[in-house]
Amino acid sequence: MKRLILISVLSLSLLGCAASSETRPESSFKSIDQSYVNAVEYQARRAGVRVEWVNPPRASESELQQNQR
């Protein structure tokens, strides 16, 4: 019984590691509204606050094209 529990726990932990991929597609980084992120982080540094983006703001395609000019 203990052996079955041990095997089950080890199997589930390996499945959990396989599901948490650290790699992100390249295209997701291109759509972040970097000007807004920079503005917020600048104000946060001035106020002594640390910002950790969970869902960074996304820029539309037209905003991305305007920022590249």
PDB file of N, CA and C in Angstrom:
ATOM      1  N   MET A   1       0.829  -1.195   0.000  1.00  0.00           N
ATOM      2  CA  MET A   1       0.000   0.000   0.000  1.00  0.00           C
ATOM      3  C   MET A   1       0.871   1.255   0.000  1.00  0.00           C
ATOM      4  N   LYS A   2       1.917   1.247   0.837  1.00  0.00           N
ATOM      5  CA  LYS A   2       2.800   2.400   0.900  1.00  0.00           C
ATOM      6  C   LYS A   2       3.522   2.591  -0.436  1.00  0.00           C
ATOM      7  N   ARG A   3       3.853   1.482  -1.055  1.00  0.00           N
ATOM      8  CA  ARG A   3       4.558   1.549  -2.332  1.00  0.00           C
ATOM      9  C   ARG A   3       3.664   2.168  -3.406  1.00  0.00           C
ATOM     10  N   LEU A   4       2.402   1.828  -3.402  1.00  0.00           N
ATOM     11  CA  LEU A   4       1.450   2.386  -4.355  1.00  0.00           C
ATOM     12  C   LEU A   4       1.309   3.893  -4.155  1.00  0.00           C
ATOM     13  N   ILE A   5       1.222   4.328  -2.920  1.00  0.00           N
ATOM     14  CA  ILE A   5       1.116   5.758  -2.616  1.00  0.00           C
ATOM     15  C   ILE A   5       2.375   6.494  -3.060  1.00  0.00           C
ATOM     16  N   LEU A   6       3.542   5.920  -2.793  1.00  0.00           N
ATOM     17  CA  LEU A   6       4.801   6.537  -3.191  1.00  0.00           C
ATOM     18  C   LEU A   6       4.892   6.676  -4.710  1.00  0.00           C
ATOM     19  N   ILE A   7       4.528   5.634  -5.421  1.00  0.00           N
ATOM     20  CA  ILE A   7       4.556   5.677  -6.888  1.00  0.00           C
ATOM     21  C   ILE A   7       3.562   6.715  -7.408  1.00  0.00           C
ATOM     22  N   SER A   8       2.397   6.793  -6.796  1.00  0.00           N
ATOM     23  CA  SER A   8       1.392   7.771  -7.222  1.00  0.00           C
ATOM     24  C   SER A   8       1.881   9.197  -7.011  1.00  0.00           C
ATOM     25  N   VAL A   9       2.473   9.467  -5.863  1.00  0.00           N
ATOM     26  CA  VAL A   9       2.976  10.808  -5.560  1.00  0.00           C
ATOM     27  C   VAL A   9       4.103  11.178  -6.525  1.00  0.00           C
ATOM     28  N   LEU A  10       5.021  10.271  -6.769  1.00  0.00           N
ATOM     29  CA  LEU A  10       6.119  10.548  -7.694  1.00  0.00           C
ATOM     30  C   LEU A  10       5.608  10.774  -9.112  1.00  0.00           C
ATOM     31  N   SER A  11       4.648   9.996  -9.535  1.00  0.00           N
ATOM     32  CA  SER A  11       4.081  10.163 -10.879  1.00  0.00           C
ATOM     33  C   SER A  11       3.406  11.515 -11.034  1.00  0.00           C
ATOM     34  N   LEU A  12       2.621  11.897 -10.034  1.00  0.00           N
ATOM     35  CA  LEU A  12       1.931  13.185 -10.099  1.00  0.00           C
ATOM     36  C   LEU A  12       2.905  14.357 -10.060  1.00  0.00           C
ATOM     37  N   SER A  13       3.980  14.224  -9.300  1.00  0.00           N
ATOM     38  CA  SER A  13       4.950  15.324  -9.255  1.00  0.00           C
ATOM     39  C   SER A  13       5.671  15.469 -10.586  1.00  0.00           C
ATOM     40  N   LEU A  14       5.946  14.367 -11.262  1.00  0.00           N
ATOM     41  CA  LEU A  14       6.575  14.445 -12.575  1.00  0.00           C
ATOM     42  C   LEU A  14       5.631  15.051 -13.606  1.00  0.00           C
ATOM     43  N   LEU A  15       4.349  14.728 -13.516  1.00  0.00           N
ATOM     44  CA  LEU A  15       3.369  15.312 -14.426  1.00  0.00           C
ATOM     45  C   LEU A  15       3.238  16.816 -14.196  1.00  0.00           C
ATOM     46  N   GLY A  16       3.318  17.228 -12.960  1.00  0.00           N
ATOM     47  CA  GLY A  16       3.245  18.654 -12.650  1.00  0.00           C
ATOM     48  C   GLY A  16       4.417  19.417 -13.225  1.00  0.00           C
ATOM     49  N   CYS A  17       5.599  18.839 -13.179  1.00  0.00           N
ATOM     50  CA  CYS A  17       6.780  19.496 -13.738  1.00  0.00           C
ATOM     51  C   CYS A  17       6.695  19.575 -15.255  1.00  0.00           C
ATOM     52  N   ALA A  18       6.148  18.566 -15.878  1.00  0.00           N
ATOM     53  CA  ALA A  18       6.040  18.555 -17.332  1.00  0.00           C
ATOM     54  C   ALA A  18       5.025  19.587 -17.815  1.00  0.00           C
ATOM     55  N   ALA A  19       4.018  19.870 -17.017  1.00  0.00           N
ATOM     56  CA  ALA A  19       2.979  20.808 -17.429  1.00  0.00           C
ATOM     57  C   ALA A  19       3.408  22.255 -17.277  1.00  0.00           C
ATOM     58  N   SER A  20       4.375  22.541 -16.440  1.00  0.00           N
ATOM     59  CA  SER A  20       4.788  23.927 -16.215  1.00  0.00           C
ATOM     60  C   SER A  20       5.974  24.268 -17.098  1.00  0.00           C
ATOM     61  N   SER A  21       5.673  24.682 -18.305  1.00  0.00           N
ATOM     62  CA  SER A  21       6.715  25.021 -19.269  1.00  0.00           C
ATOM     63  C   SER A  21       7.172  26.457 -19.050  1.00  0.00           C
ATOM     64  N   GLU A  22       8.457  26.678 -19.036  1.00  0.00           N
ATOM     65  CA  GLU A  22       9.016  28.013 -18.847  1.00  0.00           C
ATOM     66  C   GLU A  22       9.169  28.765 -20.156  1.00  0.00           C
ATOM     67  N   THR A  23       9.061  28.091 -21.262  1.00  0.00           N
ATOM     68  CA  THR A  23       9.242  28.754 -22.543  1.00  0.00           C
ATOM     69  C   THR A  23       7.934  29.377 -22.995  1.00  0.00           C
ATOM     70  N   ARG A  24       8.040  30.555 -23.587  1.00  0.00           N
ATOM     71  CA  ARG A  24       6.873  31.249 -24.108  1.00  0.00           C
ATOM     72  C   ARG A  24       7.103  31.531 -25.583  1.00  0.00           C
ATOM     73  N   PRO A  25       6.049  31.550 -26.340  1.00  0.00           N
ATOM     74  CA  PRO A  25       6.228  31.841 -27.758  1.00  0.00           C
ATOM     75  C   PRO A  25       6.763  33.252 -27.976  1.00  0.00           C
ATOM     76  N   GLU A  26       7.583  33.421 -28.976  1.00  0.00           N
ATOM     77  CA  GLU A  26       8.202  34.710 -29.280  1.00  0.00           C
ATOM     78  C   GLU A  26       7.163  35.780 -29.570  1.00  0.00           C
ATOM     79  N   SER A  27       6.064  35.404 -30.193  1.00  0.00           N
ATOM     80  CA  SER A  27       5.063  36.392 -30.581  1.00  0.00           C
ATOM     81  C   SER A  27       4.396  37.052 -29.380  1.00  0.00           C
ATOM     82  N   SER A  28       4.334  36.382 -28.243  1.00  0.00           N
ATOM     83  CA  SER A  28       3.685  36.985 -27.082  1.00  0.00           C
ATOM     84  C   SER A  28       4.477  38.163 -26.541  1.00  0.00           C
ATOM     85  N   PHE A  29       5.786  38.159 -26.703  1.00  0.00           N
ATOM     86  CA  PHE A  29       6.595  39.263 -26.214  1.00  0.00           C
ATOM     87  C   PHE A  29       6.483  40.487 -27.122  1.00  0.00           C
ATOM     88  N   LYS A  30       6.135  40.301 -28.370  1.00  0.00           N
ATOM     89  CA  LYS A  30       6.031  41.418 -29.299  1.00  0.00           C
ATOM     90  C   LYS A  30       4.774  42.239 -29.065  1.00  0.00           C
ATOM     91  N   SER A  31       3.765  41.673 -28.432  1.00  0.00           N
ATOM     92  CA  SER A  31       2.505  42.381 -28.277  1.00  0.00           C
ATOM     93  C   SER A  31       2.358  43.090 -26.927  1.00  0.00           C
ATOM     94  N   ILE A  32       3.381  43.103 -26.107  1.00  0.00           N
ATOM     95  CA  ILE A  32       3.308  43.800 -24.825  1.00  0.00           C
ATOM     96  C   ILE A  32       3.428  45.299 -25.061  1.00  0.00           C
ATOM     97  N   ASP A  33       2.572  46.084 -24.431  1.00  0.00           N
ATOM     98  CA  ASP A  33       2.596  47.542 -24.543  1.00  0.00           C
ATOM     99  C   ASP A  33       3.755  48.070 -23.694  1.00  0.00           C
ATOM    100  N   GLN A  34       4.938  48.072 -24.282  1.00  0.00           N
ATOM    101  CA  GLN A  34       6.157  48.384 -23.550  1.00  0.00           C
ATOM    102  C   GLN A  34       6.190  49.820 -23.045  1.00  0.00           C
ATOM    103  N   SER A  35       5.598  50.764 -23.787  1.00  0.00           N
ATOM    104  CA  SER A  35       5.602  52.156 -23.325  1.00  0.00           C
ATOM    105  C   SER A  35       4.785  52.298 -22.041  1.00  0.00           C
ATOM    106  N   TYR A  36       3.658  51.604 -21.956  1.00  0.00           N
ATOM    107  CA  TYR A  36       2.843  51.651 -20.743  1.00  0.00           C
ATOM    108  C   TYR A  36       3.558  50.956 -19.584  1.00  0.00           C
ATOM    109  N   VAL A  37       4.172  49.815 -19.859  1.00  0.00           N
ATOM    110  CA  VAL A  37       4.914  49.083 -18.829  1.00  0.00           C
ATOM    111  C   VAL A  37       6.038  49.959 -18.274  1.00  0.00           C
ATOM    112  N   ASN A  38       6.770  50.614 -19.169  1.00  0.00           N
ATOM    113  CA  ASN A  38       7.861  51.483 -18.724  1.00  0.00           C
ATOM    114  C   ASN A  38       7.361  52.637 -17.873  1.00  0.00           C
ATOM    115  N   ALA A  39       6.238  53.238 -18.265  1.00  0.00           N
ATOM    116  CA  ALA A  39       5.683  54.358 -17.503  1.00  0.00           C
ATOM    117  C   ALA A  39       5.256  53.915 -16.108  1.00  0.00           C
ATOM    118  N   VAL A  40       4.595  52.778 -16.010  1.00  0.00           N
ATOM    119  CA  VAL A  40       4.141  52.282 -14.710  1.00  0.00           C
ATOM    120  C   VAL A  40       5.329  51.915 -13.827  1.00  0.00           C
ATOM    121  N   GLU A  41       6.323  51.243 -14.406  1.00  0.00           N
ATOM    122  CA  GLU A  41       7.484  50.838 -13.615  1.00  0.00           C
ATOM    123  C   GLU A  41       8.310  52.048 -13.167  1.00  0.00           C
ATOM    124  N   TYR A  42       8.366  53.085 -13.984  1.00  0.00           N
ATOM    125  CA  TYR A  42       9.073  54.309 -13.598  1.00  0.00           C
ATOM    126  C   TYR A  42       8.400  54.947 -12.382  1.00  0.00           C
ATOM    127  N   GLN A  43       7.079  55.081 -12.444  1.00  0.00           N
ATOM    128  CA  GLN A  43       6.347  55.662 -11.318  1.00  0.00           C
ATOM    129  C   GLN A  43       6.461  54.778 -10.076  1.00  0.00           C
ATOM    130  N   ALA A  44       6.466  53.486 -10.257  1.00  0.00           N
ATOM    131  CA  ALA A  44       6.573  52.567  -9.120  1.00  0.00           C
ATOM    132  C   ALA A  44       7.943  52.707  -8.455  1.00  0.00           C
ATOM    133  N   ARG A  45       9.002  52.808  -9.264  1.00  0.00           N
ATOM    134  CA  ARG A  45      10.349  52.989  -8.688  1.00  0.00           C
ATOM    135  C   ARG A  45      10.429  54.278  -7.900  1.00  0.00           C
ATOM    136  N   ARG A  46       9.819  55.334  -8.417  1.00  0.00           N
ATOM    137  CA  ARG A  46       9.835  56.627  -7.717  1.00  0.00           C
ATOM    138  C   ARG A  46       9.101  56.536  -6.381  1.00  0.00           C
ATOM    139  N   ALA A  47       8.071  55.707  -6.330  1.00  0.00           N
ATOM    140  CA  ALA A  47       7.277  55.562  -5.110  1.00  0.00           C
ATOM    141  C   ALA A  47       7.827  54.467  -4.197  1.00  0.00           C
ATOM    142  N   GLY A  48       8.876  53.752  -4.646  1.00  0.00           N
ATOM    143  CA  GLY A  48       9.445  52.688  -3.837  1.00  0.00           C
ATOM    144  C   GLY A  48       8.611  51.420  -3.836  1.00  0.00           C
ATOM    145  N   VAL A  49       7.891  51.200  -4.917  1.00  0.00           N
ATOM    146  CA  VAL A  49       7.005  50.041  -5.031  1.00  0.00           C
ATOM    147  C   VAL A  49       7.570  49.097  -6.084  1.00  0.00           C
ATOM    148  N   ARG A  50       7.462  47.810  -5.844  1.00  0.00           N
ATOM    149  CA  ARG A  50       7.912  46.795  -6.801  1.00  0.00           C
ATOM    150  C   ARG A  50       6.708  46.292  -7.582  1.00  0.00           C
ATOM    151  N   VAL A  51       6.823  46.287  -8.894  1.00  0.00           N
ATOM    152  CA  VAL A  51       5.737  45.819  -9.759  1.00  0.00           C
ATOM    153  C   VAL A  51       6.119  44.467 -10.331  1.00  0.00           C
ATOM    154  N   GLU A  52       5.213  43.511 -10.223  1.00  0.00           N
ATOM    155  CA  GLU A  52       5.404  42.208 -10.854  1.00  0.00           C
ATOM    156  C   GLU A  52       4.197  41.967 -11.752  1.00  0.00           C
ATOM    157  N   TRP A  53       4.446  41.958 -13.050  1.00  0.00           N
ATOM    158  CA  TRP A  53       3.367  41.820 -14.022  1.00  0.00           C
ATOM    159  C   TRP A  53       2.928  40.370 -14.109  1.00  0.00           C
ATOM    160  N   VAL A  54       1.674  40.121 -13.811  1.00  0.00           N
ATOM    161  CA  VAL A  54       1.100  38.793 -13.972  1.00  0.00           C
ATOM    162  C   VAL A  54       0.518  38.676 -15.377  1.00  0.00           C
ATOM    163  N   ASN A  55      -0.252  39.664 -15.771  1.00  0.00           N
ATOM    164  CA  ASN A  55      -0.809  39.759 -17.118  1.00  0.00           C
ATOM    165  C   ASN A  55      -0.411  41.126 -17.672  1.00  0.00           C
ATOM    166  N   PRO A  56       0.740  41.202 -18.324  1.00  0.00           N
ATOM    167  CA  PRO A  56       1.180  42.513 -18.811  1.00  0.00           C
ATOM    168  C   PRO A  56       0.209  43.065 -19.852  1.00  0.00           C
ATOM    169  N   PRO A  57       0.107  44.392 -19.923  1.00  0.00           N
ATOM    170  CA  PRO A  57      -0.827  44.995 -20.873  1.00  0.00           C
ATOM    171  C   PRO A  57      -0.413  44.696 -22.312  1.00  0.00           C
ATOM    172  N   ARG A  58      -1.385  44.459 -23.151  1.00  0.00           N
ATOM    173  CA  ARG A  58      -1.126  44.142 -24.552  1.00  0.00           C
ATOM    174  C   ARG A  58      -1.390  45.369 -25.416  1.00  0.00           C
ATOM    175  N   ALA A  59      -0.563  45.542 -26.416  1.00  0.00           N
ATOM    176  CA  ALA A  59      -0.740  46.629 -27.365  1.00  0.00           C
ATOM    177  C   ALA A  59      -1.418  46.101 -28.613  1.00  0.00           C
ATOM    178  N   SER A  60      -2.242  46.938 -29.222  1.00  0.00           N
ATOM    179  CA  SER A  60      -2.864  46.533 -30.483  1.00  0.00           C
ATOM    180  C   SER A  60      -1.818  46.608 -31.591  1.00  0.00           C
ATOM    181  N   GLU A  61      -2.120  46.019 -32.718  1.00  0.00           N
ATOM    182  CA  GLU A  61      -1.178  46.022 -33.844  1.00  0.00           C
ATOM    183  C   GLU A  61      -0.865  47.444 -34.297  1.00  0.00           C
ATOM    184  N   SER A  62      -1.873  48.333 -34.291  1.00  0.00           N
ATOM    185  CA  SER A  62      -1.635  49.717 -34.722  1.00  0.00           C
ATOM    186  C   SER A  62      -0.709  50.445 -33.749  1.00  0.00           C
ATOM    187  N   GLU A  63      -0.859  50.189 -32.449  1.00  0.00           N
ATOM    188  CA  GLU A  63       0.041  50.807 -31.464  1.00  0.00           C
ATOM    189  C   GLU A  63       1.457  50.310 -31.626  1.00  0.00           C
ATOM    190  N   LEU A  64       1.612  49.028 -31.929  1.00  0.00           N
ATOM    191  CA  LEU A  64       2.938  48.478 -32.145  1.00  0.00           C
ATOM    192  C   LEU A  64       3.608  49.120 -33.355  1.00  0.00           C
ATOM    193  N   GLN A  65       2.862  49.334 -34.418  1.00  0.00           N
ATOM    194  CA  GLN A  65       3.415  49.960 -35.613  1.00  0.00           C
ATOM    195  C   GLN A  65       3.796  51.402 -35.359  1.00  0.00           C
ATOM    196  N   GLN A  66       3.008  52.121 -34.562  1.00  0.00           N
ATOM    197  CA  GLN A  66       3.324  53.504 -34.246  1.00  0.00           C
ATOM    198  C   GLN A  66       4.578  53.600 -33.388  1.00  0.00           C
ATOM    199  N   ASN A  67       4.767  52.669 -32.473  1.00  0.00           N
ATOM    200  CA  ASN A  67       5.945  52.673 -31.601  1.00  0.00           C
ATOM    201  C   ASN A  67       7.225  52.336 -32.356  1.00  0.00           C
ATOM    202  N   GLN A  68       7.110  51.617 -33.461  1.00  0.00           N
ATOM    203  CA  GLN A  68       8.292  51.229 -34.231  1.00  0.00           C
ATOM    204  C   GLN A  68       8.788  52.355 -35.113  1.00  0.00           C
ATOM    205  N   ARG A  69       7.973  53.369 -35.360  1.00  0.00           N
ATOM    206  CA  ARG A  69       8.369  54.479 -36.238  1.00  0.00           C
ATOM    207  C   ARG A  69       9.293  55.436 -35.555  1.00  0.00           C
TER     208      ARG A  69
END
